Amino acid sequence: MALGLLMGIGRAFRKKSTASLDILTAKRGPRNYYKGKNCKPTGFHTCKGGYVLVQEKLPNYVVPELSGFQLKPYVSQCARQSKTTEAAV
């Protein structure tokens, strides 16, 4: 019994292989492993193959009132050079 206890303690302190410390991806995991995109589920699957949305799980965005806001809501990725060097106040 003492020998088994000592071997168990030795196994616990054994150096882990570096392969087991890697980040688990779909290619490194088991055949049926699916990592997903880190999204929260918005409902649940039924036994007949349907999907039920739960209203409490849906995201709720609170948007402030933007009337009178001076900036435009869209910024182009290919912005043009402005001809004036001073900033409009």
PDB file of N, CA and C in Angstrom:
ATOM      1  N   MET A   1       0.812  -1.194   0.000  1.00  0.00           N
ATOM      2  CA  MET A   1       0.000   0.000   0.000  1.00  0.00           C
ATOM      3  C   MET A   1       0.853   1.254   0.000  1.00  0.00           C
ATOM      4  N   ALA A   2       1.923   1.237   0.755  1.00  0.00           N
ATOM      5  CA  ALA A   2       2.789   2.412   0.830  1.00  0.00           C
ATOM      6  C   ALA A   2       3.468   2.657  -0.521  1.00  0.00           C
ATOM      7  N   LEU A   3       3.792   1.577  -1.203  1.00  0.00           N
ATOM      8  CA  LEU A   3       4.434   1.733  -2.511  1.00  0.00           C
ATOM      9  C   LEU A   3       3.479   2.362  -3.508  1.00  0.00           C
ATOM     10  N   GLY A   4       2.215   1.966  -3.493  1.00  0.00           N
ATOM     11  CA  GLY A   4       1.215   2.549  -4.384  1.00  0.00           C
ATOM     12  C   GLY A   4       0.981   4.017  -4.088  1.00  0.00           C
ATOM     13  N   LEU A   5       1.006   4.366  -2.795  1.00  0.00           N
ATOM     14  CA  LEU A   5       0.838   5.766  -2.403  1.00  0.00           C
ATOM     15  C   LEU A   5       1.997   6.609  -2.896  1.00  0.00           C
ATOM     16  N   LEU A   6       3.221   6.083  -2.760  1.00  0.00           N
ATOM     17  CA  LEU A   6       4.404   6.816  -3.223  1.00  0.00           C
ATOM     18  C   LEU A   6       4.393   6.968  -4.747  1.00  0.00           C
ATOM     19  N   MET A   7       3.975   5.928  -5.441  1.00  0.00           N
ATOM     20  CA  MET A   7       3.923   6.029  -6.904  1.00  0.00           C
ATOM     21  C   MET A   7       2.867   7.039  -7.347  1.00  0.00           C
ATOM     22  N   GLY A   8       1.749   7.089  -6.629  1.00  0.00           N
ATOM     23  CA  GLY A   8       0.708   8.066  -6.951  1.00  0.00           C
ATOM     24  C   GLY A   8       1.183   9.496  -6.734  1.00  0.00           C
ATOM     25  N   ILE A   9       1.914   9.730  -5.661  1.00  0.00           N
ATOM     26  CA  ILE A   9       2.461  11.071  -5.400  1.00  0.00           C
ATOM     27  C   ILE A   9       3.490  11.432  -6.469  1.00  0.00           C
ATOM     28  N   GLY A  10       4.304  10.445  -6.853  1.00  0.00           N
ATOM     29  CA  GLY A  10       5.297  10.690  -7.906  1.00  0.00           C
ATOM     30  C   GLY A  10       4.643  11.030  -9.236  1.00  0.00           C
ATOM     31  N   ARG A  11       3.523  10.355  -9.561  1.00  0.00           N
ATOM     32  CA  ARG A  11       2.810  10.665 -10.794  1.00  0.00           C
ATOM     33  C   ARG A  11       2.211  12.063 -10.763  1.00  0.00           C
ATOM     34  N   ALA A  12       1.780  12.523  -9.609  1.00  0.00           N
ATOM     35  CA  ALA A  12       1.170  13.845  -9.492  1.00  0.00           C
ATOM     36  C   ALA A  12       2.190  14.950  -9.738  1.00  0.00           C
ATOM     37  N   PHE A  13       3.426  14.734  -9.315  1.00  0.00           N
ATOM     38  CA  PHE A  13       4.451  15.769  -9.468  1.00  0.00           C
ATOM     39  C   PHE A  13       5.278  15.617 -10.737  1.00  0.00           C
ATOM     40  N   ARG A  14       4.930  14.631 -11.576  1.00  0.00           N
ATOM     41  CA  ARG A  14       5.656  14.420 -12.817  1.00  0.00           C
ATOM     42  C   ARG A  14       5.456  15.606 -13.758  1.00  0.00           C
ATOM     43  N   LYS A  15       6.479  15.940 -14.513  1.00  0.00           N
ATOM     44  CA  LYS A  15       6.388  17.059 -15.454  1.00  0.00           C
ATOM     45  C   LYS A  15       5.387  16.731 -16.550  1.00  0.00           C
ATOM     46  N   LYS A  16       4.474  17.642 -16.796  1.00  0.00           N
ATOM     47  CA  LYS A  16       3.479  17.448 -17.851  1.00  0.00           C
ATOM     48  C   LYS A  16       4.131  17.687 -19.206  1.00  0.00           C
ATOM     49  N   SER A  17       3.658  17.000 -20.218  1.00  0.00           N
ATOM     50  CA  SER A  17       4.192  17.228 -21.547  1.00  0.00           C
ATOM     51  C   SER A  17       3.685  18.561 -22.078  1.00  0.00           C
ATOM     52  N   THR A  18       4.448  19.199 -22.939  1.00  0.00           N
ATOM     53  CA  THR A  18       4.062  20.514 -23.459  1.00  0.00           C
ATOM     54  C   THR A  18       2.880  20.415 -24.405  1.00  0.00           C
ATOM     55  N   ALA A  19       2.644  19.226 -24.979  1.00  0.00           N
ATOM     56  CA  ALA A  19       1.508  19.071 -25.890  1.00  0.00           C
ATOM     57  C   ALA A  19       0.180  19.194 -25.144  1.00  0.00           C
ATOM     58  N   SER A  20       0.153  18.785 -23.885  1.00  0.00           N
ATOM     59  CA  SER A  20      -1.107  18.860 -23.142  1.00  0.00           C
ATOM     60  C   SER A  20      -1.394  20.282 -22.668  1.00  0.00           C
ATOM     61  N   LEU A  21      -0.415  21.172 -22.733  1.00  0.00           N
ATOM     62  CA  LEU A  21      -0.605  22.543 -22.284  1.00  0.00           C
ATOM     63  C   LEU A  21      -0.989  23.486 -23.416  1.00  0.00           C
ATOM     64  N   ASP A  22      -1.025  22.999 -24.659  1.00  0.00           N
ATOM     65  CA  ASP A  22      -1.379  23.844 -25.800  1.00  0.00           C
ATOM     66  C   ASP A  22      -2.861  24.228 -25.749  1.00  0.00           C
ATOM     67  N   ILE A  23      -3.202  25.269 -26.495  1.00  0.00           N
ATOM     68  CA  ILE A  23      -4.586  25.710 -26.581  1.00  0.00           C
ATOM     69  C   ILE A  23      -5.370  24.683 -27.397  1.00  0.00           C
ATOM     70  N   LEU A  24      -6.521  24.296 -26.880  1.00  0.00           N
ATOM     71  CA  LEU A  24      -7.316  23.274 -27.549  1.00  0.00           C
ATOM     72  C   LEU A  24      -8.069  23.899 -28.714  1.00  0.00           C
ATOM     73  N   THR A  25      -7.813  23.425 -29.900  1.00  0.00           N
ATOM     74  CA  THR A  25      -8.503  23.878 -31.097  1.00  0.00           C
ATOM     75  C   THR A  25      -9.262  22.700 -31.691  1.00  0.00           C
ATOM     76  N   ALA A  26     -10.016  22.963 -32.741  1.00  0.00           N
ATOM     77  CA  ALA A  26     -10.774  21.904 -33.383  1.00  0.00           C
ATOM     78  C   ALA A  26      -9.848  20.882 -34.044  1.00  0.00           C
ATOM     79  N   LYS A  27      -8.664  21.294 -34.455  1.00  0.00           N
ATOM     80  CA  LYS A  27      -7.738  20.355 -35.084  1.00  0.00           C
ATOM     81  C   LYS A  27      -6.999  19.518 -34.050  1.00  0.00           C
ATOM     82  N   ARG A  28      -6.803  20.049 -32.842  1.00  0.00           N
ATOM     83  CA  ARG A  28      -6.068  19.322 -31.805  1.00  0.00           C
ATOM     84  C   ARG A  28      -6.984  18.504 -30.898  1.00  0.00           C
ATOM     85  N   GLY A  29      -8.276  18.769 -30.929  1.00  0.00           N
ATOM     86  CA  GLY A  29      -9.207  18.079 -30.047  1.00  0.00           C
ATOM     87  C   GLY A  29      -9.688  16.762 -30.627  1.00  0.00           C
ATOM     88  N   PRO A  30     -10.628  16.121 -29.970  1.00  0.00           N
ATOM     89  CA  PRO A  30     -11.198  14.881 -30.500  1.00  0.00           C
ATOM     90  C   PRO A  30     -11.954  15.113 -31.809  1.00  0.00           C
ATOM     91  N   ARG A  31     -12.390  14.040 -32.421  1.00  0.00           N
ATOM     92  CA  ARG A  31     -13.014  14.136 -33.738  1.00  0.00           C
ATOM     93  C   ARG A  31     -14.297  14.967 -33.714  1.00  0.00           C
ATOM     94  N   ASN A  32     -15.075  14.882 -32.655  1.00  0.00           N
ATOM     95  CA  ASN A  32     -16.355  15.589 -32.604  1.00  0.00           C
ATOM     96  C   ASN A  32     -16.263  16.903 -31.820  1.00  0.00           C
ATOM     97  N   TYR A  33     -15.070  17.434 -31.600  1.00  0.00           N
ATOM     98  CA  TYR A  33     -14.907  18.663 -30.822  1.00  0.00           C
ATOM     99  C   TYR A  33     -15.207  19.876 -31.697  1.00  0.00           C
ATOM    100  N   TYR A  34     -16.055  20.772 -31.219  1.00  0.00           N
ATOM    101  CA  TYR A  34     -16.381  22.015 -31.922  1.00  0.00           C
ATOM    102  C   TYR A  34     -16.224  23.153 -30.937  1.00  0.00           C
ATOM    103  N   LYS A  35     -15.277  24.026 -31.192  1.00  0.00           N
ATOM    104  CA  LYS A  35     -14.970  25.078 -30.242  1.00  0.00           C
ATOM    105  C   LYS A  35     -15.994  26.193 -30.276  1.00  0.00           C
ATOM    106  N   GLY A  36     -16.470  26.571 -31.436  1.00  0.00           N
ATOM    107  CA  GLY A  36     -17.436  27.651 -31.533  1.00  0.00           C
ATOM    108  C   GLY A  36     -16.739  29.001 -31.641  1.00  0.00           C
ATOM    109  N   LYS A  37     -17.520  30.051 -31.575  1.00  0.00           N
ATOM    110  CA  LYS A  37     -16.999  31.409 -31.739  1.00  0.00           C
ATOM    111  C   LYS A  37     -17.172  32.243 -30.476  1.00  0.00           C
ATOM    112  N   ASN A  38     -17.237  31.605 -29.327  1.00  0.00           N
ATOM    113  CA  ASN A  38     -17.345  32.292 -28.040  1.00  0.00           C
ATOM    114  C   ASN A  38     -18.628  33.118 -27.944  1.00  0.00           C
ATOM    115  N   CYS A  39     -19.710  32.582 -28.462  1.00  0.00           N
ATOM    116  CA  CYS A  39     -21.007  33.251 -28.409  1.00  0.00           C
ATOM    117  C   CYS A  39     -21.881  32.587 -27.356  1.00  0.00           C
ATOM    118  N   LYS A  40     -22.717  33.369 -26.747  1.00  0.00           N
ATOM    119  CA  LYS A  40     -23.666  32.836 -25.778  1.00  0.00           C
ATOM    120  C   LYS A  40     -24.910  32.347 -26.523  1.00  0.00           C
ATOM    121  N   PRO A  41     -25.488  31.234 -26.121  1.00  0.00           N
ATOM    122  CA  PRO A  41     -26.699  30.758 -26.789  1.00  0.00           C
ATOM    123  C   PRO A  41     -27.884  31.667 -26.471  1.00  0.00           C
ATOM    124  N   THR A  42     -28.762  31.864 -27.451  1.00  0.00           N
ATOM    125  CA  THR A  42     -29.927  32.732 -27.252  1.00  0.00           C
ATOM    126  C   THR A  42     -31.207  31.931 -27.040  1.00  0.00           C
ATOM    127  N   GLY A  43     -31.092  30.623 -26.919  1.00  0.00           N
ATOM    128  CA  GLY A  43     -32.263  29.793 -26.716  1.00  0.00           C
ATOM    129  C   GLY A  43     -31.857  28.351 -26.493  1.00  0.00           C
ATOM    130  N   PHE A  44     -32.739  27.418 -26.892  1.00  0.00           N
ATOM    131  CA  PHE A  44     -32.425  26.008 -26.722  1.00  0.00           C
ATOM    132  C   PHE A  44     -33.085  25.218 -27.838  1.00  0.00           C
ATOM    133  N   HIS A  45     -32.539  24.015 -28.087  1.00  0.00           N
ATOM    134  CA  HIS A  45     -33.058  23.111 -29.100  1.00  0.00           C
ATOM    135  C   HIS A  45     -34.168  22.257 -28.498  1.00  0.00           C
ATOM    136  N   THR A  46     -35.197  22.009 -29.274  1.00  0.00           N
ATOM    137  CA  THR A  46     -36.278  21.131 -28.826  1.00  0.00           C
ATOM    138  C   THR A  46     -35.973  19.696 -29.234  1.00  0.00           C
ATOM    139  N   CYS A  47     -36.739  18.766 -28.710  1.00  0.00           N
ATOM    140  CA  CYS A  47     -36.500  17.350 -29.026  1.00  0.00           C
ATOM    141  C   CYS A  47     -36.893  17.009 -30.460  1.00  0.00           C
ATOM    142  N   LYS A  48     -37.692  17.850 -31.122  1.00  0.00           N
ATOM    143  CA  LYS A  48     -38.108  17.584 -32.495  1.00  0.00           C
ATOM    144  C   LYS A  48     -37.293  18.358 -33.529  1.00  0.00           C
ATOM    145  N   GLY A  49     -36.193  18.983 -33.104  1.00  0.00           N
ATOM    146  CA  GLY A  49     -35.309  19.644 -34.041  1.00  0.00           C
ATOM    147  C   GLY A  49     -35.549  21.129 -34.201  1.00  0.00           C
ATOM    148  N   GLY A  50     -36.463  21.690 -33.454  1.00  0.00           N
ATOM    149  CA  GLY A  50     -36.707  23.128 -33.537  1.00  0.00           C
ATOM    150  C   GLY A  50     -35.781  23.906 -32.613  1.00  0.00           C
ATOM    151  N   TYR A  51     -35.916  25.206 -32.613  1.00  0.00           N
ATOM    152  CA  TYR A  51     -35.102  26.080 -31.760  1.00  0.00           C
ATOM    153  C   TYR A  51     -36.017  27.140 -31.164  1.00  0.00           C
ATOM    154  N   VAL A  52     -35.964  27.319 -29.871  1.00  0.00           N
ATOM    155  CA  VAL A  52     -36.822  28.273 -29.173  1.00  0.00           C
ATOM    156  C   VAL A  52     -35.950  29.405 -28.659  1.00  0.00           C
ATOM    157  N   LEU A  53     -36.268  30.641 -29.069  1.00  0.00           N
ATOM    158  CA  LEU A  53     -35.549  31.806 -28.580  1.00  0.00           C
ATOM    159  C   LEU A  53     -36.093  32.209 -27.216  1.00  0.00           C
ATOM    160  N   VAL A  54     -35.188  32.509 -26.301  1.00  0.00           N
ATOM    161  CA  VAL A  54     -35.572  32.976 -24.972  1.00  0.00           C
ATOM    162  C   VAL A  54     -35.316  34.482 -24.935  1.00  0.00           C
ATOM    163  N   GLN A  55     -36.345  35.264 -24.663  1.00  0.00           N
ATOM    164  CA  GLN A  55     -36.263  36.720 -24.737  1.00  0.00           C
ATOM    165  C   GLN A  55     -35.232  37.279 -23.757  1.00  0.00           C
ATOM    166  N   GLU A  56     -35.073  36.643 -22.596  1.00  0.00           N
ATOM    167  CA  GLU A  56     -34.132  37.143 -21.600  1.00  0.00           C
ATOM    168  C   GLU A  56     -32.680  36.951 -22.031  1.00  0.00           C
ATOM    169  N   LYS A  57     -32.435  36.014 -22.960  1.00  0.00           N
ATOM    170  CA  LYS A  57     -31.070  35.747 -23.412  1.00  0.00           C
ATOM    171  C   LYS A  57     -30.656  36.603 -24.604  1.00  0.00           C
ATOM    172  N   LEU A  58     -31.592  37.302 -25.233  1.00  0.00           N
ATOM    173  CA  LEU A  58     -31.260  38.137 -26.378  1.00  0.00           C
ATOM    174  C   LEU A  58     -30.548  39.403 -25.913  1.00  0.00           C
ATOM    175  N   PRO A  59     -29.578  39.900 -26.686  1.00  0.00           N
ATOM    176  CA  PRO A  59     -28.883  41.122 -26.276  1.00  0.00           C
ATOM    177  C   PRO A  59     -29.805  42.335 -26.353  1.00  0.00           C
ATOM    178  N   ASN A  60     -29.658  43.232 -25.410  1.00  0.00           N
ATOM    179  CA  ASN A  60     -30.468  44.439 -25.336  1.00  0.00           C
ATOM    180  C   ASN A  60     -29.516  45.630 -25.381  1.00  0.00           C
ATOM    181  N   TYR A  61     -29.546  46.381 -26.464  1.00  0.00           N
ATOM    182  CA  TYR A  61     -28.647  47.512 -26.637  1.00  0.00           C
ATOM    183  C   TYR A  61     -29.350  48.797 -26.227  1.00  0.00           C
ATOM    184  N   VAL A  62     -28.712  49.573 -25.383  1.00  0.00           N
ATOM    185  CA  VAL A  62     -29.245  50.852 -24.940  1.00  0.00           C
ATOM    186  C   VAL A  62     -28.492  51.941 -25.703  1.00  0.00           C
ATOM    187  N   VAL A  63     -29.196  52.666 -26.570  1.00  0.00           N
ATOM    188  CA  VAL A  63     -28.583  53.696 -27.402  1.00  0.00           C
ATOM    189  C   VAL A  63     -29.018  55.062 -26.876  1.00  0.00           C
ATOM    190  N   PRO A  64     -28.065  55.955 -26.602  1.00  0.00           N
ATOM    191  CA  PRO A  64     -28.454  57.278 -26.098  1.00  0.00           C
ATOM    192  C   PRO A  64     -29.074  58.135 -27.202  1.00  0.00           C
ATOM    193  N   GLU A  65     -29.748  59.184 -26.810  1.00  0.00           N
ATOM    194  CA  GLU A  65     -30.346  60.132 -27.762  1.00  0.00           C
ATOM    195  C   GLU A  65     -29.225  60.917 -28.433  1.00  0.00           C
ATOM    196  N   LEU A  66     -29.182  60.888 -29.764  1.00  0.00           N
ATOM    197  CA  LEU A  66     -28.075  61.512 -30.489  1.00  0.00           C
ATOM    198  C   LEU A  66     -28.524  62.710 -31.321  1.00  0.00           C
ATOM    199  N   SER A  67     -29.676  63.291 -31.030  1.00  0.00           N
ATOM    200  CA  SER A  67     -30.090  64.479 -31.775  1.00  0.00           C
ATOM    201  C   SER A  67     -29.215  65.652 -31.343  1.00  0.00           C
ATOM    202  N   GLY A  68     -28.708  66.388 -32.307  1.00  0.00           N
ATOM    203  CA  GLY A  68     -27.811  67.497 -32.033  1.00  0.00           C
ATOM    204  C   GLY A  68     -26.352  67.069 -31.904  1.00  0.00           C
ATOM    205  N   PHE A  69     -26.066  65.803 -32.133  1.00  0.00           N
ATOM    206  CA  PHE A  69     -24.690  65.316 -32.060  1.00  0.00           C
ATOM    207  C   PHE A  69     -23.969  65.723 -33.328  1.00  0.00           C
ATOM    208  N   GLN A  70     -22.760  66.264 -33.215  1.00  0.00           N
ATOM    209  CA  GLN A  70     -22.088  66.857 -34.373  1.00  0.00           C
ATOM    210  C   GLN A  70     -21.371  65.835 -35.254  1.00  0.00           C
ATOM    211  N   LEU A  71     -20.979  64.716 -34.729  1.00  0.00           N
ATOM    212  CA  LEU A  71     -20.255  63.743 -35.546  1.00  0.00           C
ATOM    213  C   LEU A  71     -21.220  62.900 -36.361  1.00  0.00           C
ATOM    214  N   LYS A  72     -20.742  62.418 -37.512  1.00  0.00           N
ATOM    215  CA  LYS A  72     -21.551  61.563 -38.371  1.00  0.00           C
ATOM    216  C   LYS A  72     -21.414  60.114 -37.907  1.00  0.00           C
ATOM    217  N   PRO A  73     -22.408  59.282 -38.159  1.00  0.00           N
ATOM    218  CA  PRO A  73     -22.357  57.909 -37.650  1.00  0.00           C
ATOM    219  C   PRO A  73     -21.435  56.985 -38.428  1.00  0.00           C
ATOM    220  N   TYR A  74     -20.957  57.383 -39.603  1.00  0.00           N
ATOM    221  CA  TYR A  74     -20.148  56.499 -40.422  1.00  0.00           C
ATOM    222  C   TYR A  74     -18.827  57.165 -40.737  1.00  0.00           C
ATOM    223  N   VAL A  75     -17.741  56.419 -40.635  1.00  0.00           N
ATOM    224  CA  VAL A  75     -16.415  56.906 -41.006  1.00  0.00           C
ATOM    225  C   VAL A  75     -15.911  56.005 -42.112  1.00  0.00           C
ATOM    226  N   SER A  76     -15.590  56.590 -43.244  1.00  0.00           N
ATOM    227  CA  SER A  76     -15.153  55.820 -44.392  1.00  0.00           C
ATOM    228  C   SER A  76     -13.757  55.250 -44.149  1.00  0.00           C
ATOM    229  N   GLN A  77     -13.494  54.070 -44.700  1.00  0.00           N
ATOM    230  CA  GLN A  77     -12.173  53.468 -44.570  1.00  0.00           C
ATOM    231  C   GLN A  77     -11.164  54.155 -45.479  1.00  0.00           C
ATOM    232  N   CYS A  78     -11.637  54.722 -46.578  1.00  0.00           N
ATOM    233  CA  CYS A  78     -10.732  55.438 -47.479  1.00  0.00           C
ATOM    234  C   CYS A  78     -11.046  56.938 -47.360  1.00  0.00           C
ATOM    235  N   ALA A  79     -10.591  57.511 -46.290  1.00  0.00           N
ATOM    236  CA  ALA A  79     -10.864  58.921 -46.021  1.00  0.00           C
ATOM    237  C   ALA A  79     -10.051  59.802 -46.973  1.00  0.00           C
ATOM    238  N   ARG A  80     -10.647  60.901 -47.404  1.00  0.00           N
ATOM    239  CA  ARG A  80      -9.962  61.818 -48.316  1.00  0.00           C
ATOM    240  C   ARG A  80      -9.212  62.876 -47.508  1.00  0.00           C
ATOM    241  N   GLN A  81      -8.173  63.412 -48.128  1.00  0.00           N
ATOM    242  CA  GLN A  81      -7.421  64.490 -47.493  1.00  0.00           C
ATOM    243  C   GLN A  81      -8.238  65.758 -47.552  1.00  0.00           C
ATOM    244  N   SER A  82      -8.333  66.459 -46.441  1.00  0.00           N
ATOM    245  CA  SER A  82      -9.066  67.716 -46.438  1.00  0.00           C
ATOM    246  C   SER A  82      -8.137  68.840 -46.899  1.00  0.00           C
ATOM    247  N   LYS A  83      -8.733  69.857 -47.555  1.00  0.00           N
ATOM    248  CA  LYS A  83      -7.902  70.956 -48.085  1.00  0.00           C
ATOM    249  C   LYS A  83      -7.587  71.993 -47.009  1.00  0.00           C
ATOM    250  N   THR A  84      -8.390  72.067 -45.979  1.00  0.00           N
ATOM    251  CA  THR A  84      -8.117  73.032 -44.910  1.00  0.00           C
ATOM    252  C   THR A  84      -7.231  72.375 -43.857  1.00  0.00           C
ATOM    253  N   THR A  85      -6.329  73.160 -43.290  1.00  0.00           N
ATOM    254  CA  THR A  85      -5.430  72.620 -42.274  1.00  0.00           C
ATOM    255  C   THR A  85      -5.940  72.913 -40.879  1.00  0.00           C
ATOM    256  N   GLU A  86      -6.881  73.855 -40.758  1.00  0.00           N
ATOM    257  CA  GLU A  86      -7.420  74.182 -39.445  1.00  0.00           C
ATOM    258  C   GLU A  86      -8.647  73.317 -39.162  1.00  0.00           C
ATOM    259  N   ALA A  87      -8.806  72.979 -37.919  1.00  0.00           N
ATOM    260  CA  ALA A  87      -9.968  72.190 -37.523  1.00  0.00           C
ATOM    261  C   ALA A  87     -11.158  73.125 -37.352  1.00  0.00           C
ATOM    262  N   ALA A  88     -12.300  72.726 -37.849  1.00  0.00           N
ATOM    263  CA  ALA A  88     -13.506  73.539 -37.694  1.00  0.00           C
ATOM    264  C   ALA A  88     -14.008  73.419 -36.278  1.00  0.00           C
ATOM    265  N   VAL A  89     -14.321  74.564 -35.688  1.00  0.00           N
ATOM    266  CA  VAL A  89     -14.782  74.554 -34.305  1.00  0.00           C
ATOM    267  C   VAL A  89     -16.264  74.819 -34.252  1.00  0.00           C
TER     268      VAL A  89
END
